[in-house]
Structures are given as structure tokens and as C-alpha cells.
Amino acid sequence: MTVVPPPPRGGARLLEPRCLTRLEDGERLRALLWEAGPGWRMASSAVLGGGLAERAWVLNAQVAHGYRRTDPAAHLARLARDAGVSGRGVGLMTAADIRAPGRGHDGGAEALATAGVAVRGWAAVPHESPVAVPAPGTINIVAAVPVALGDAALVNAVITATEAKVQALLDAGLDCSGTPTDAVCVAARTPRPGAQVHAFAGPRSEWGARLARAVHRAVLTALPAPG
């Protein structure tokens, strides 16, 4: 992979991913890699590193439209190794263009989003036959808060981020709740002895409200312009 340094930004941020490029099957594709380092717990629905655990990096990799590989977790793990990261991390994939991710921040909470909505709809639909190989998700959200969250609060933060995503879609005039395989990853600091661990991350809690506003802004700015 070729590493493209991010443009200079004012002020320190939690989420400062590197932009990577690669050639795959004759196509130039990109990825965003956030090297969080130690001291982070993440809750994610991602195909690689999903669940709730200590994680050190997040890779959001662009794949070709019509992606048909049946080993996405292994594919993402190889891309992470090629990028030089080690240890446990989270890997997401999308067919959307990720060169200009949407950003949002509010009171210390931060979010990045990549979005493509060519294939979208509502979560609850009439029964359909299962798809053997799901297409790569096209709305990916990576969010972080600089505080420790309890297990339930971290799960609640994923719900809050998802609700904010749907709100952004509706505010953008899109009649949908997302794409069929959207993914989300929320990172919080690992609890330390004597430090506060927040028990709530719903949209009316202190950090849940900040997270919701950050995700809402990130998704709104990531959505492609109406065509």
C-alpha cells in the first residue's frame, strides 16, 4: 500500500486516520486507517474484530463494486498487515469513495463517516430470500469518545450512533434507514483504576448526546451530493 499523509489540521483530534492506496485486480482502491494505539475498548458490528473488546486500530477499506469474495475478514486482516499494523483491530469495508470522509465533533466526541447510498432501504421489509454473500456496507461510521464507558454504555453508544445516522439520512431527504450492510465502530477509553466510568451513552446522556451530534454531522457531510 502507498501511504498518503493527511492534510495538516489545527488542534489535536482523536480520529486522525492515514489514507492508504493499493492496486487490486487492476483497480486503484483506498483505505482509511486509524491507529488508536493501546488503551481503547471498541464496540463494533464490523466483519473483522466485531463485538466488544480491546482494539488498537480501525481499518475502513474500499473494495470494488460487485465485491464477491467470501473471506472478507481474512481479506481485511491481510490489508491491515500490509499497512504495517499489528495486534487486534477492527476492519470495515465499503464500495463508497472514502477520499473525503464526513467529519463531526462535539465536546470531545468525534466521528468519521463514509457513505454511499445507491442501494438503500428500510430495516423492516417484507420477507426476502437471504443473500448468500452480502454486498459490502456503504455507510460506515467510526466514532470515539475520550472517556471510559461501561459495557452497557458502550453498547448503548452503538445504538445512539445508529439513531443519529438515520436522523441524518432523513434530514438529507433520503427515505431510508440505511443500506443493507452498514457498519459502525464506537471507541471509548479503557477504564483505569480510580477513573470515572460512564454508565450511560443514550442520546440524552452527557456523552451520548455529544456522540449523536458528532455522528449526525459526519453522516450528513459524508453523503454524496444529490444527483
Protein backbone atom coordinates (compact mmCIF):
# COMPACT_ATOMS: atom_id res chain seq x y z
CA MET A 1 0.00 0.00 0.00
CA THR A 2 1.06 3.59 -0.60
CA VAL A 3 0.58 5.87 2.40
CA VAL A 4 -0.75 9.36 1.73
CA PRO A 5 -0.25 11.65 4.73
CA PRO A 6 -3.37 13.52 5.84
CA PRO A 7 -3.51 17.26 5.28
CA PRO A 8 -2.44 19.39 8.25
CA ARG A 9 -5.24 20.13 10.67
CA GLY A 10 -5.48 22.58 13.52
CA GLY A 11 -5.75 21.19 17.02
CA ALA A 12 -5.36 17.65 18.31
CA ARG A 13 -8.04 15.16 17.36
CA LEU A 14 -8.77 11.62 18.42
CA LEU A 15 -9.54 10.40 14.92
CA GLU A 16 -6.67 11.12 12.54
CA PRO A 17 -6.61 8.28 10.01
CA ARG A 18 -3.97 7.67 7.39
CA CYS A 19 -5.15 7.33 3.80
CA LEU A 20 -3.74 4.24 2.08
CA THR A 21 -3.86 3.31 -1.58
CA ARG A 22 -3.42 -0.07 -3.27
CA LEU A 23 -3.86 -1.75 -6.62
CA GLU A 24 -6.21 -4.71 -6.50
CA ASP A 25 -7.35 -6.62 -9.58
CA GLY A 26 -6.19 -3.71 -11.72
CA GLU A 27 -8.20 -1.13 -9.78
CA ARG A 28 -6.86 1.64 -7.52
CA LEU A 29 -8.58 1.41 -4.16
CA ARG A 30 -8.15 3.28 -0.89
CA ALA A 31 -8.49 2.72 2.82
CA LEU A 32 -8.57 4.82 5.99
CA LEU A 33 -6.50 3.52 8.89
CA TRP A 34 -6.88 4.92 12.41
CA GLU A 35 -4.04 3.73 14.63
CA ALA A 36 -5.62 4.34 18.01
CA GLY A 37 -2.90 2.55 19.98
CA PRO A 38 -3.37 0.92 23.39
CA GLY A 39 -5.97 1.95 25.93
CA TRP A 40 -9.12 1.69 23.81
CA ARG A 41 -12.19 -0.52 24.03
CA MET A 42 -14.37 -0.73 20.95
CA ALA A 43 -17.86 -2.00 20.21
CA SER A 44 -18.43 -2.78 16.57
CA SER A 45 -20.60 -4.62 14.09
CA ALA A 46 -17.64 -4.96 11.70
CA VAL A 47 -16.83 -8.20 9.91
CA LEU A 48 -13.30 -8.18 11.39
CA GLY A 49 -12.85 -7.52 15.10
CA GLY A 50 -16.55 -7.03 15.78
CA GLY A 51 -18.05 -7.34 19.23
CA LEU A 52 -16.78 -5.58 22.35
CA ALA A 53 -13.10 -5.83 23.21
CA GLU A 54 -9.76 -4.03 23.47
CA ARG A 55 -8.73 -2.91 19.99
CA ALA A 56 -5.75 -0.88 18.74
CA TRP A 57 -6.70 0.17 15.19
CA VAL A 58 -9.60 0.58 12.78
CA LEU A 59 -9.33 0.00 9.03
CA ASN A 60 -12.09 1.18 6.69
CA ALA A 61 -11.21 -0.34 3.32
CA GLN A 62 -12.72 0.48 -0.04
CA VAL A 63 -13.47 -2.53 -2.22
CA ALA A 64 -14.62 -2.79 -5.81
CA HIS A 65 -18.29 -2.57 -6.72
CA GLY A 66 -19.59 -6.09 -7.21
CA TYR A 67 -17.30 -7.46 -4.47
CA ARG A 68 -17.78 -11.24 -4.36
CA ARG A 69 -15.06 -12.57 -2.09
CA THR A 70 -16.30 -14.98 0.55
CA ASP A 71 -13.46 -14.29 3.02
CA PRO A 72 -13.87 -10.59 3.91
CA ALA A 73 -12.38 -10.96 7.40
CA ALA A 74 -9.24 -12.62 6.04
CA HIS A 75 -9.05 -10.03 3.27
CA LEU A 76 -9.22 -7.16 5.77
CA ALA A 77 -6.66 -8.82 8.04
CA ARG A 78 -4.24 -9.06 5.12
CA LEU A 79 -4.78 -5.40 4.22
CA ALA A 80 -4.05 -4.45 7.83
CA ARG A 81 -0.84 -6.49 7.83
CA ASP A 82 0.19 -4.88 4.54
CA ALA A 83 -0.34 -1.48 6.20
CA GLY A 84 2.07 -2.44 8.96
CA VAL A 85 -0.27 -2.68 11.94
CA SER A 86 -0.25 -5.49 14.45
CA GLY A 87 -2.39 -6.63 17.33
CA ARG A 88 -6.17 -6.74 17.36
CA GLY A 89 -8.18 -4.23 15.41
CA VAL A 90 -11.44 -3.61 13.60
CA GLY A 91 -11.90 -3.93 9.85
CA LEU A 92 -14.80 -2.48 7.86
CA MET A 93 -15.31 -2.37 4.11
CA THR A 94 -17.32 -0.28 1.69
CA ALA A 95 -17.72 0.26 -2.02
CA ALA A 96 -18.12 4.01 -1.43
CA ASP A 97 -15.44 6.58 -2.22
CA ILE A 98 -13.58 7.25 1.03
CA ARG A 99 -11.23 10.02 -0.08
CA ALA A 100 -13.22 12.73 1.69
CA PRO A 101 -14.89 11.21 4.77
CA GLY A 102 -17.51 13.16 6.65
CA ARG A 103 -16.37 14.55 9.99
CA GLY A 104 -18.22 15.56 13.09
CA HIS A 105 -17.14 16.61 16.57
CA ASP A 106 -18.91 17.85 19.64
CA GLY A 107 -17.48 18.46 23.09
CA GLY A 108 -14.72 15.87 22.71
CA ALA A 109 -16.76 13.24 20.86
CA GLU A 110 -15.65 12.66 17.27
CA ALA A 111 -16.95 10.72 14.28
CA LEU A 112 -15.88 9.83 10.77
CA ALA A 113 -18.28 8.50 8.17
CA THR A 114 -18.01 7.21 4.62
CA ALA A 115 -21.24 6.88 2.72
CA GLY A 116 -22.71 5.66 -0.50
CA VAL A 117 -26.46 5.22 -0.73
CA ALA A 118 -27.07 3.76 -4.19
CA VAL A 119 -28.53 0.65 -2.52
CA ARG A 120 -30.65 1.70 0.43
CA GLY A 121 -33.95 0.98 2.14
CA TRP A 122 -35.71 0.47 5.45
CA ALA A 123 -34.60 -2.06 8.03
CA ALA A 124 -38.01 -3.75 8.35
CA VAL A 125 -39.23 -5.01 4.97
CA PRO A 126 -41.39 -7.92 3.79
CA HIS A 127 -39.70 -11.31 3.90
CA GLU A 128 -36.98 -11.80 1.32
CA SER A 129 -34.70 -14.71 0.46
CA PRO A 130 -31.36 -14.48 2.27
CA VAL A 131 -28.38 -13.31 0.27
CA ALA A 132 -25.51 -15.82 0.34
CA VAL A 133 -22.73 -13.22 0.12
CA PRO A 134 -23.75 -9.77 1.43
CA ALA A 135 -22.53 -6.78 -0.53
CA PRO A 136 -20.04 -4.54 1.29
CA GLY A 137 -21.64 -1.93 3.53
CA THR A 138 -21.78 1.56 2.13
CA ILE A 139 -22.30 3.68 5.26
CA ASN A 140 -19.50 3.10 7.74
CA ILE A 141 -19.20 5.08 10.97
CA VAL A 142 -16.17 5.23 13.25
CA ALA A 143 -16.67 7.27 16.42
CA ALA A 144 -14.66 7.88 19.57
CA VAL A 145 -15.16 9.45 22.98
CA PRO A 146 -12.22 10.36 25.27
CA VAL A 147 -13.79 8.79 28.36
CA ALA A 148 -14.36 5.30 29.70
CA LEU A 149 -17.77 3.72 29.15
CA GLY A 150 -19.17 0.67 30.91
CA ASP A 151 -20.12 -2.34 28.81
CA ALA A 152 -23.81 -1.43 28.64
CA ALA A 153 -22.98 2.21 27.85
CA LEU A 154 -20.67 1.17 25.02
CA VAL A 155 -23.42 -0.99 23.52
CA ASN A 156 -25.83 1.92 24.00
CA ALA A 157 -23.35 4.18 22.19
CA VAL A 158 -23.65 1.97 19.10
CA ILE A 159 -27.43 2.36 19.26
CA THR A 160 -27.11 6.13 19.69
CA ALA A 161 -24.76 6.37 16.70
CA THR A 162 -27.18 4.35 14.58
CA GLU A 163 -30.11 6.55 15.57
CA ALA A 164 -28.09 9.64 14.65
CA LYS A 165 -27.24 8.08 11.28
CA VAL A 166 -30.93 7.52 10.49
CA GLN A 167 -31.73 11.09 11.58
CA ALA A 168 -29.05 12.40 9.20
CA LEU A 169 -30.45 10.35 6.32
CA LEU A 170 -33.93 11.72 6.90
CA ASP A 171 -32.61 15.28 7.29
CA ALA A 172 -30.88 14.83 3.91
CA GLY A 173 -34.21 13.94 2.32
CA LEU A 174 -33.47 10.23 1.90
CA ASP A 175 -36.42 7.92 2.53
CA CYS A 176 -34.47 5.10 4.21
CA SER A 177 -32.83 3.88 7.42
CA GLY A 178 -29.57 2.94 5.73
CA THR A 179 -28.03 0.41 3.37
CA PRO A 180 -28.35 -3.36 3.87
CA THR A 181 -24.91 -3.85 5.43
CA ASP A 182 -23.92 -0.62 7.18
CA ALA A 183 -21.31 -0.97 9.93
CA VAL A 184 -20.37 1.03 13.00
CA CYS A 185 -17.48 1.13 15.44
CA VAL A 186 -17.50 3.17 18.66
CA ALA A 187 -14.31 3.52 20.70
CA ALA A 188 -14.01 4.57 24.34
CA ARG A 189 -11.10 4.72 26.72
CA THR A 190 -10.21 1.63 28.70
CA PRO A 191 -11.24 2.11 32.35
CA ARG A 192 -8.34 2.95 34.68
CA PRO A 193 -8.23 2.45 38.45
CA GLY A 194 -9.81 5.41 40.17
CA ALA A 195 -11.10 7.00 36.94
CA GLN A 196 -14.76 7.60 36.24
CA VAL A 197 -16.56 5.02 34.11
CA HIS A 198 -19.70 6.45 32.50
CA ALA A 199 -22.73 4.19 32.83
CA PHE A 200 -24.90 5.77 30.13
CA ALA A 201 -24.49 6.69 26.46
CA GLY A 202 -28.06 7.19 25.32
CA PRO A 203 -28.91 10.32 23.34
CA ARG A 204 -29.84 12.29 26.47
CA SER A 205 -26.76 11.38 28.47
CA GLU A 206 -23.74 13.69 28.53
CA TRP A 207 -21.51 11.68 26.18
CA GLY A 208 -24.31 10.04 24.23
CA ALA A 209 -25.68 13.45 23.25
CA ARG A 210 -22.23 14.61 22.11
CA LEU A 211 -21.70 11.38 20.20
CA ALA A 212 -25.09 11.70 18.49
CA ARG A 213 -24.37 15.24 17.30
CA ALA A 214 -20.90 14.24 16.05
CA VAL A 215 -22.24 11.23 14.12
CA HIS A 216 -25.16 13.21 12.71
CA ARG A 217 -22.76 15.82 11.33
CA ALA A 218 -20.32 13.23 10.00
CA VAL A 219 -23.00 11.32 8.10
CA LEU A 220 -24.57 14.48 6.69
CA THR A 221 -21.21 15.65 5.33
CA ALA A 222 -20.32 12.20 4.01
CA LEU A 223 -23.48 11.71 1.96
CA PRO A 224 -22.98 12.22 -1.78
CA ALA A 225 -24.49 15.33 -3.28
CA PRO A 226 -27.93 14.74 -4.82
CA GLY A 227 -27.54 13.75 -8.45
